[in-house]
Amino acid sequence: MSTARFRPRVAFQGQRGAFSEEAAVKLMGAEIELVPRATFVDLFRSIDQGVADFAIAPIENSLVGTIQPCLDLLYKSPLAITGEVIIPIAQHLIGIPGASFAEVEAVESHPVALAQCKRFFALYPQLKRVEAEDTAGSVAQVVASGNPKRAAIAGNRAAEVYGGMIIKENVQDDESNRTRFLLLSSPQSDEQNNNLSQSSIDREHKRREALRSFFFSSKDQTKGSNYTEIEKE
């Protein structure tokens, strides 16, 4: 009889080293099995496709407000909100080992990450912004290219995973930059959990619905409203 411990499979958008990966580990522990997904659409399909037990999705950032693509997918999804976590987001300019800032001409990253660094780009208008699928993937591509003229904006975790060098630290507009992530699961997961009492299930259901109501009601609000909500945490 096998005594192997169950390792929850948690899907996240992006490649290894992404902020979503960091959020998943913070919320569920280092023993989880991480499942990288290329796009947000792929992320929300992960549980139905049987490749993950949970999905973690960024939903709100203190600088740019709602992560609209995720909110739109959540609105259409039957997945249940089972938890949330907020992590600090420190964005760094990362290049190949030995590169200098004077050599950098183009900076690649996810559009949301680039939007968190408007002051940096205003200070250095010569830098070309290049949108990419995710932060960590940008670092991987920059390092693989070996080109000192290319750099990426991402977190320290991505630099460590892919062997990139941090050229400039904390290029985000605000040092208190944070992102809220939601943990999603199959709506049937509670029914399959015999360790929960019915009252516990009812309480959890109400909590999830309150979270869902908040995010859907904020769908048409301004970014300023979203910033206020996350700052209250």
C-alpha atoms as a PDB file:
ATOM      1  CA  MET A   1       0.000   0.000   0.000  1.00  0.00           C
ATOM      2  CA  SER A   2       1.416   3.369  -1.053  1.00  0.00           C
ATOM      3  CA  THR A   3       2.022   5.969   1.623  1.00  0.00           C
ATOM      4  CA  ALA A   4       3.060   8.693  -0.803  1.00  0.00           C
ATOM      5  CA  ARG A   5       1.930  12.103   0.346  1.00  0.00           C
ATOM      6  CA  PHE A   6      -0.532  13.918  -1.898  1.00  0.00           C
ATOM      7  CA  ARG A   7       1.081  16.929  -3.580  1.00  0.00           C
ATOM      8  CA  PRO A   8      -1.493  19.447  -4.821  1.00  0.00           C
ATOM      9  CA  ARG A   9      -0.886  20.519  -8.407  1.00  0.00           C
ATOM     10  CA  VAL A  10      -1.127  24.300  -8.684  1.00  0.00           C
ATOM     11  CA  ALA A  11      -1.269  25.972 -12.084  1.00  0.00           C
ATOM     12  CA  PHE A  12       0.047  29.494 -12.614  1.00  0.00           C
ATOM     13  CA  GLN A  13       0.454  31.732 -15.650  1.00  0.00           C
ATOM     14  CA  GLY A  14       3.996  32.170 -16.877  1.00  0.00           C
ATOM     15  CA  GLN A  15       7.252  30.294 -16.558  1.00  0.00           C
ATOM     16  CA  ARG A  16       9.208  29.181 -13.502  1.00  0.00           C
ATOM     17  CA  GLY A  17      10.301  32.203 -11.500  1.00  0.00           C
ATOM     18  CA  ALA A  18       7.105  34.182 -12.077  1.00  0.00           C
ATOM     19  CA  PHE A  19       5.462  36.172  -9.287  1.00  0.00           C
ATOM     20  CA  SER A  20       2.466  33.821  -9.546  1.00  0.00           C
ATOM     21  CA  GLU A  21       4.758  30.937  -8.663  1.00  0.00           C
ATOM     22  CA  GLU A  22       5.962  32.852  -5.610  1.00  0.00           C
ATOM     23  CA  ALA A  23       2.351  33.514  -4.590  1.00  0.00           C
ATOM     24  CA  ALA A  24       1.440  29.832  -4.932  1.00  0.00           C
ATOM     25  CA  VAL A  25       4.343  28.745  -2.742  1.00  0.00           C
ATOM     26  CA  LYS A  26       3.562  31.384  -0.121  1.00  0.00           C
ATOM     27  CA  LEU A  27      -0.083  30.337   0.057  1.00  0.00           C
ATOM     28  CA  MET A  28       0.239  26.551  -0.168  1.00  0.00           C
ATOM     29  CA  GLY A  29       3.806  25.709   0.802  1.00  0.00           C
ATOM     30  CA  ALA A  30       6.941  24.537  -0.968  1.00  0.00           C
ATOM     31  CA  GLU A  31       5.764  20.928  -1.333  1.00  0.00           C
ATOM     32  CA  ILE A  32       3.210  21.674  -4.053  1.00  0.00           C
ATOM     33  CA  GLU A  33       3.662  20.607  -7.666  1.00  0.00           C
ATOM     34  CA  LEU A  34       3.873  23.724  -9.828  1.00  0.00           C
ATOM     35  CA  VAL A  35       2.238  23.679 -13.255  1.00  0.00           C
ATOM     36  CA  PRO A  36       3.316  26.554 -15.555  1.00  0.00           C
ATOM     37  CA  ARG A  37       0.706  27.661 -18.115  1.00  0.00           C
ATOM     38  CA  ALA A  38       1.459  29.884 -21.094  1.00  0.00           C
ATOM     39  CA  THR A  39      -1.580  32.200 -20.987  1.00  0.00           C
ATOM     40  CA  PHE A  40      -4.392  33.228 -18.662  1.00  0.00           C
ATOM     41  CA  VAL A  41      -6.835  31.289 -20.855  1.00  0.00           C
ATOM     42  CA  ASP A  42      -4.708  28.163 -20.411  1.00  0.00           C
ATOM     43  CA  LEU A  43      -4.578  28.844 -16.676  1.00  0.00           C
ATOM     44  CA  PHE A  44      -8.349  28.896 -16.307  1.00  0.00           C
ATOM     45  CA  ARG A  45      -8.640  25.656 -18.324  1.00  0.00           C
ATOM     46  CA  SER A  46      -6.070  23.798 -16.210  1.00  0.00           C
ATOM     47  CA  ILE A  47      -8.476  22.166 -13.762  1.00  0.00           C
ATOM     48  CA  ASP A  48     -11.009  21.112 -16.408  1.00  0.00           C
ATOM     49  CA  GLN A  49      -8.180  19.642 -18.477  1.00  0.00           C
ATOM     50  CA  GLY A  50      -7.012  17.593 -15.500  1.00  0.00           C
ATOM     51  CA  VAL A  51      -3.500  19.023 -15.351  1.00  0.00           C
ATOM     52  CA  ALA A  52      -3.958  20.831 -12.024  1.00  0.00           C
ATOM     53  CA  ASP A  53      -5.988  20.665  -8.823  1.00  0.00           C
ATOM     54  CA  PHE A  54      -5.840  24.417  -8.225  1.00  0.00           C
ATOM     55  CA  ALA A  55      -5.088  27.556 -10.201  1.00  0.00           C
ATOM     56  CA  ILE A  56      -3.683  30.791  -8.833  1.00  0.00           C
ATOM     57  CA  ALA A  57      -4.563  33.997 -10.652  1.00  0.00           C
ATOM     58  CA  PRO A  58      -3.416  37.606 -10.169  1.00  0.00           C
ATOM     59  CA  ILE A  59      -6.511  39.743  -9.840  1.00  0.00           C
ATOM     60  CA  GLU A  60      -5.468  43.163  -8.567  1.00  0.00           C
ATOM     61  CA  ASN A  61      -2.347  45.308  -8.254  1.00  0.00           C
ATOM     62  CA  SER A  62      -1.876  48.322  -6.009  1.00  0.00           C
ATOM     63  CA  LEU A  63      -0.344  50.383  -8.842  1.00  0.00           C
ATOM     64  CA  VAL A  64      -2.328  49.439 -11.941  1.00  0.00           C
ATOM     65  CA  GLY A  65      -5.608  48.261 -10.416  1.00  0.00           C
ATOM     66  CA  THR A  66      -7.606  45.295 -11.647  1.00  0.00           C
ATOM     67  CA  ILE A  67      -5.856  42.684 -13.809  1.00  0.00           C
ATOM     68  CA  GLN A  68      -8.703  42.840 -16.293  1.00  0.00           C
ATOM     69  CA  PRO A  69      -7.989  39.710 -18.393  1.00  0.00           C
ATOM     70  CA  CYS A  70      -8.110  37.568 -15.233  1.00  0.00           C
ATOM     71  CA  LEU A  71     -11.205  39.290 -13.903  1.00  0.00           C
ATOM     72  CA  ASP A  72     -13.001  38.737 -17.206  1.00  0.00           C
ATOM     73  CA  LEU A  73     -12.084  35.039 -17.196  1.00  0.00           C
ATOM     74  CA  LEU A  74     -13.111  34.688 -13.554  1.00  0.00           C
ATOM     75  CA  TYR A  75     -16.473  36.282 -14.308  1.00  0.00           C
ATOM     76  CA  LYS A  76     -17.169  33.616 -16.940  1.00  0.00           C
ATOM     77  CA  SER A  77     -15.652  30.729 -14.988  1.00  0.00           C
ATOM     78  CA  PRO A  78     -17.465  28.228 -12.736  1.00  0.00           C
ATOM     79  CA  LEU A  79     -14.306  27.824 -10.630  1.00  0.00           C
ATOM     80  CA  ALA A  80     -14.647  28.465  -6.903  1.00  0.00           C
ATOM     81  CA  ILE A  81     -12.517  30.983  -5.012  1.00  0.00           C
ATOM     82  CA  THR A  82     -10.875  28.993  -2.218  1.00  0.00           C
ATOM     83  CA  GLY A  83      -8.279  31.435  -0.908  1.00  0.00           C
ATOM     84  CA  GLU A  84      -6.270  34.560  -1.530  1.00  0.00           C
ATOM     85  CA  VAL A  85      -2.787  35.908  -0.882  1.00  0.00           C
ATOM     86  CA  ILE A  86      -1.130  39.301  -1.319  1.00  0.00           C
ATOM     87  CA  ILE A  87       2.595  39.477  -2.024  1.00  0.00           C
ATOM     88  CA  PRO A  88       4.997  42.414  -2.399  1.00  0.00           C
ATOM     89  CA  ILE A  89       6.111  43.007  -5.979  1.00  0.00           C
ATOM     90  CA  ALA A  90       9.668  44.289  -6.414  1.00  0.00           C
ATOM     91  CA  GLN A  91      10.474  44.759 -10.077  1.00  0.00           C
ATOM     92  CA  HIS A  92      14.118  44.681 -11.168  1.00  0.00           C
ATOM     93  CA  LEU A  93      15.857  45.397 -14.447  1.00  0.00           C
ATOM     94  CA  ILE A  94      17.596  42.133 -15.332  1.00  0.00           C
ATOM     95  CA  GLY A  95      20.162  41.499 -18.044  1.00  0.00           C
ATOM     96  CA  ILE A  96      22.791  38.981 -18.973  1.00  0.00           C
ATOM     97  CA  PRO A  97      25.784  38.501 -16.642  1.00  0.00           C
ATOM     98  CA  GLY A  98      28.293  41.286 -17.189  1.00  0.00           C
ATOM     99  CA  ALA A  99      25.872  43.665 -18.893  1.00  0.00           C
ATOM    100  CA  SER A 100      25.773  47.354 -17.947  1.00  0.00           C
ATOM    101  CA  PHE A 101      22.825  49.730 -17.915  1.00  0.00           C
ATOM    102  CA  ALA A 102      24.484  51.930 -20.533  1.00  0.00           C
ATOM    103  CA  GLU A 103      24.281  49.048 -23.024  1.00  0.00           C
ATOM    104  CA  VAL A 104      20.552  48.373 -22.601  1.00  0.00           C
ATOM    105  CA  GLU A 105      18.307  49.484 -25.468  1.00  0.00           C
ATOM    106  CA  ALA A 106      15.158  47.373 -25.098  1.00  0.00           C
ATOM    107  CA  VAL A 107      13.282  46.202 -22.003  1.00  0.00           C
ATOM    108  CA  GLU A 108      10.918  43.231 -22.170  1.00  0.00           C
ATOM    109  CA  SER A 109       8.191  42.112 -19.769  1.00  0.00           C
ATOM    110  CA  HIS A 110       4.508  41.430 -19.255  1.00  0.00           C
ATOM    111  CA  PRO A 111       2.366  44.538 -19.977  1.00  0.00           C
ATOM    112  CA  VAL A 112       1.227  44.720 -16.343  1.00  0.00           C
ATOM    113  CA  ALA A 113       4.835  44.721 -15.134  1.00  0.00           C
ATOM    114  CA  LEU A 114       5.793  47.425 -17.623  1.00  0.00           C
ATOM    115  CA  ALA A 115       2.830  49.517 -16.447  1.00  0.00           C
ATOM    116  CA  GLN A 116       4.135  49.318 -12.882  1.00  0.00           C
ATOM    117  CA  CYS A 117       7.359  51.051 -13.968  1.00  0.00           C
ATOM    118  CA  LYS A 118       6.132  54.205 -15.739  1.00  0.00           C
ATOM    119  CA  ARG A 119       8.406  56.527 -13.802  1.00  0.00           C
ATOM    120  CA  PHE A 120      11.451  54.464 -14.699  1.00  0.00           C
ATOM    121  CA  PHE A 121      10.642  54.667 -18.415  1.00  0.00           C
ATOM    122  CA  ALA A 122       9.888  58.375 -18.125  1.00  0.00           C
ATOM    123  CA  LEU A 123      13.323  58.851 -16.578  1.00  0.00           C
ATOM    124  CA  TYR A 124      14.989  56.845 -19.381  1.00  0.00           C
ATOM    125  CA  PRO A 125      12.901  57.576 -22.510  1.00  0.00           C
ATOM    126  CA  GLN A 126      15.541  56.058 -24.786  1.00  0.00           C
ATOM    127  CA  LEU A 127      14.549  52.570 -23.616  1.00  0.00           C
ATOM    128  CA  LYS A 128      12.190  50.691 -25.890  1.00  0.00           C
ATOM    129  CA  ARG A 129       9.370  48.812 -24.120  1.00  0.00           C
ATOM    130  CA  VAL A 130       8.662  45.329 -25.492  1.00  0.00           C
ATOM    131  CA  GLU A 131       5.556  43.478 -24.321  1.00  0.00           C
ATOM    132  CA  ALA A 132       5.915  39.756 -23.613  1.00  0.00           C
ATOM    133  CA  GLU A 133       3.801  36.879 -22.269  1.00  0.00           C
ATOM    134  CA  ASP A 134       5.238  36.977 -18.754  1.00  0.00           C
ATOM    135  CA  THR A 135       7.963  38.425 -16.560  1.00  0.00           C
ATOM    136  CA  ALA A 136      10.000  35.287 -15.913  1.00  0.00           C
ATOM    137  CA  GLY A 137       9.824  34.192 -19.538  1.00  0.00           C
ATOM    138  CA  SER A 138      11.261  37.551 -20.534  1.00  0.00           C
ATOM    139  CA  VAL A 139      14.281  36.939 -18.314  1.00  0.00           C
ATOM    140  CA  ALA A 140      14.731  33.472 -19.791  1.00  0.00           C
ATOM    141  CA  GLN A 141      14.727  34.875 -23.328  1.00  0.00           C
ATOM    142  CA  VAL A 142      17.090  37.728 -22.511  1.00  0.00           C
ATOM    143  CA  VAL A 143      19.607  35.439 -20.845  1.00  0.00           C
ATOM    144  CA  ALA A 144      19.361  32.892 -23.680  1.00  0.00           C
ATOM    145  CA  SER A 145      19.989  35.627 -26.258  1.00  0.00           C
ATOM    146  CA  GLY A 146      23.322  36.638 -24.719  1.00  0.00           C
ATOM    147  CA  ASN A 147      22.628  40.156 -25.954  1.00  0.00           C
ATOM    148  CA  PRO A 148      23.658  42.950 -23.523  1.00  0.00           C
ATOM    149  CA  LYS A 149      21.327  45.371 -25.348  1.00  0.00           C
ATOM    150  CA  ARG A 150      18.297  43.413 -24.116  1.00  0.00           C
ATOM    151  CA  ALA A 151      16.957  43.435 -20.561  1.00  0.00           C
ATOM    152  CA  ALA A 152      13.813  42.316 -18.784  1.00  0.00           C
ATOM    153  CA  ILE A 153      11.724  43.513 -15.879  1.00  0.00           C
ATOM    154  CA  ALA A 154      10.926  40.784 -13.364  1.00  0.00           C
ATOM    155  CA  GLY A 155      11.498  39.679  -9.785  1.00  0.00           C
ATOM    156  CA  ASN A 156      14.579  38.355  -8.057  1.00  0.00           C
ATOM    157  CA  ARG A 157      13.209  34.796  -8.274  1.00  0.00           C
ATOM    158  CA  ALA A 158      13.350  34.920 -12.081  1.00  0.00           C
ATOM    159  CA  ALA A 159      16.911  36.232 -12.045  1.00  0.00           C
ATOM    160  CA  GLU A 160      17.955  33.338  -9.812  1.00  0.00           C
ATOM    161  CA  VAL A 161      16.164  30.684 -11.874  1.00  0.00           C
ATOM    162  CA  TYR A 162      17.617  31.753 -15.236  1.00  0.00           C
ATOM    163  CA  GLY A 163      20.997  33.127 -14.188  1.00  0.00           C
ATOM    164  CA  GLY A 164      20.255  36.743 -15.015  1.00  0.00           C
ATOM    165  CA  MET A 165      22.002  39.727 -13.435  1.00  0.00           C
ATOM    166  CA  ILE A 166      20.080  42.506 -11.714  1.00  0.00           C
ATOM    167  CA  ILE A 167      21.223  45.761 -13.333  1.00  0.00           C
ATOM    168  CA  LYS A 168      18.860  48.083 -11.460  1.00  0.00           C
ATOM    169  CA  GLU A 169      16.787  47.211  -8.397  1.00  0.00           C
ATOM    170  CA  ASN A 170      13.251  48.298  -7.548  1.00  0.00           C
ATOM    171  CA  VAL A 171      12.293  50.053 -10.761  1.00  0.00           C
ATOM    172  CA  GLN A 172       8.576  49.904  -9.912  1.00  0.00           C
ATOM    173  CA  ASP A 173       6.805  53.205  -9.247  1.00  0.00           C
ATOM    174  CA  ASP A 174       6.145  52.473  -5.565  1.00  0.00           C
ATOM    175  CA  GLU A 175       8.162  50.387  -3.125  1.00  0.00           C
ATOM    176  CA  SER A 176       4.920  49.233  -1.481  1.00  0.00           C
ATOM    177  CA  ASN A 177       3.750  47.681  -4.767  1.00  0.00           C
ATOM    178  CA  ARG A 178       1.645  44.573  -4.098  1.00  0.00           C
ATOM    179  CA  THR A 179      -0.522  42.116  -6.027  1.00  0.00           C
ATOM    180  CA  ARG A 180      -3.512  40.126  -4.822  1.00  0.00           C
ATOM    181  CA  PHE A 181      -3.844  36.545  -6.083  1.00  0.00           C
ATOM    182  CA  LEU A 182      -6.880  34.264  -5.878  1.00  0.00           C
ATOM    183  CA  LEU A 183      -6.652  30.502  -5.456  1.00  0.00           C
ATOM    184  CA  LEU A 184      -9.257  28.732  -7.589  1.00  0.00           C
ATOM    185  CA  SER A 185     -10.535  25.167  -7.517  1.00  0.00           C
ATOM    186  CA  SER A 186     -13.263  22.997  -8.998  1.00  0.00           C
ATOM    187  CA  PRO A 187     -16.731  23.879  -7.648  1.00  0.00           C
ATOM    188  CA  GLN A 188     -17.124  20.185  -6.763  1.00  0.00           C
ATOM    189  CA  SER A 189     -14.014  20.091  -4.576  1.00  0.00           C
ATOM    190  CA  ASP A 190     -15.899  20.819  -1.353  1.00  0.00           C
ATOM    191  CA  GLU A 191     -18.433  18.094  -2.038  1.00  0.00           C
ATOM    192  CA  GLN A 192     -15.602  15.599  -2.370  1.00  0.00           C
ATOM    193  CA  ASN A 193     -14.006  16.631   0.915  1.00  0.00           C
ATOM    194  CA  ASN A 194     -15.562  14.455   3.605  1.00  0.00           C
ATOM    195  CA  ASN A 195     -13.438  16.015   6.345  1.00  0.00           C
ATOM    196  CA  LEU A 196     -15.466  19.239   6.329  1.00  0.00           C
ATOM    197  CA  SER A 197     -18.716  19.561   8.231  1.00  0.00           C
ATOM    198  CA  GLN A 198     -21.717  21.002   6.395  1.00  0.00           C
ATOM    199  CA  SER A 199     -21.567  24.165   8.530  1.00  0.00           C
ATOM    200  CA  SER A 200     -17.906  24.651   7.581  1.00  0.00           C
ATOM    201  CA  ILE A 201     -18.785  24.243   3.915  1.00  0.00           C
ATOM    202  CA  ASP A 202     -21.597  26.794   4.254  1.00  0.00           C
ATOM    203  CA  ARG A 203     -19.320  29.330   5.913  1.00  0.00           C
ATOM    204  CA  GLU A 204     -16.619  28.842   3.292  1.00  0.00           C
ATOM    205  CA  HIS A 205     -19.156  29.135   0.491  1.00  0.00           C
ATOM    206  CA  LYS A 206     -20.384  32.468   1.863  1.00  0.00           C
ATOM    207  CA  ARG A 207     -16.809  33.740   2.171  1.00  0.00           C
ATOM    208  CA  ARG A 208     -16.032  32.813  -1.418  1.00  0.00           C
ATOM    209  CA  GLU A 209     -19.217  34.418  -2.679  1.00  0.00           C
ATOM    210  CA  ALA A 210     -18.329  37.607  -0.815  1.00  0.00           C
ATOM    211  CA  LEU A 211     -14.936  37.650  -2.518  1.00  0.00           C
ATOM    212  CA  ARG A 212     -16.506  36.944  -5.897  1.00  0.00           C
ATOM    213  CA  SER A 213     -19.095  39.710  -5.360  1.00  0.00           C
ATOM    214  CA  PHE A 214     -16.372  42.216  -4.510  1.00  0.00           C
ATOM    215  CA  PHE A 215     -14.340  41.550  -7.628  1.00  0.00           C
ATOM    216  CA  PHE A 216     -17.337  41.510  -9.948  1.00  0.00           C
ATOM    217  CA  SER A 217     -18.763  44.700  -8.443  1.00  0.00           C
ATOM    218  CA  SER A 218     -15.383  46.390  -8.952  1.00  0.00           C
ATOM    219  CA  LYS A 219     -15.317  45.390 -12.619  1.00  0.00           C
ATOM    220  CA  ASP A 220     -16.485  48.834 -13.779  1.00  0.00           C
ATOM    221  CA  GLN A 221     -14.820  50.893 -11.090  1.00  0.00           C
ATOM    222  CA  THR A 222     -11.778  53.086 -11.624  1.00  0.00           C
ATOM    223  CA  LYS A 223      -8.259  51.913 -10.944  1.00  0.00           C
ATOM    224  CA  GLY A 224      -8.153  54.323  -8.050  1.00  0.00           C
ATOM    225  CA  SER A 225     -10.923  52.378  -6.327  1.00  0.00           C
ATOM    226  CA  ASN A 226      -9.038  49.124  -6.723  1.00  0.00           C
ATOM    227  CA  TYR A 227      -5.887  50.694  -5.350  1.00  0.00           C
ATOM    228  CA  THR A 228      -7.812  51.796  -2.260  1.00  0.00           C
ATOM    229  CA  GLU A 229      -9.200  48.319  -1.684  1.00  0.00           C
ATOM    230  CA  ILE A 230      -5.838  46.558  -1.790  1.00  0.00           C
ATOM    231  CA  GLU A 231      -4.251  49.264   0.360  1.00  0.00           C
ATOM    232  CA  LYS A 232      -6.772  48.499   3.108  1.00  0.00           C
ATOM    233  CA  GLU A 233      -5.261  45.045   3.570  1.00  0.00           C
END
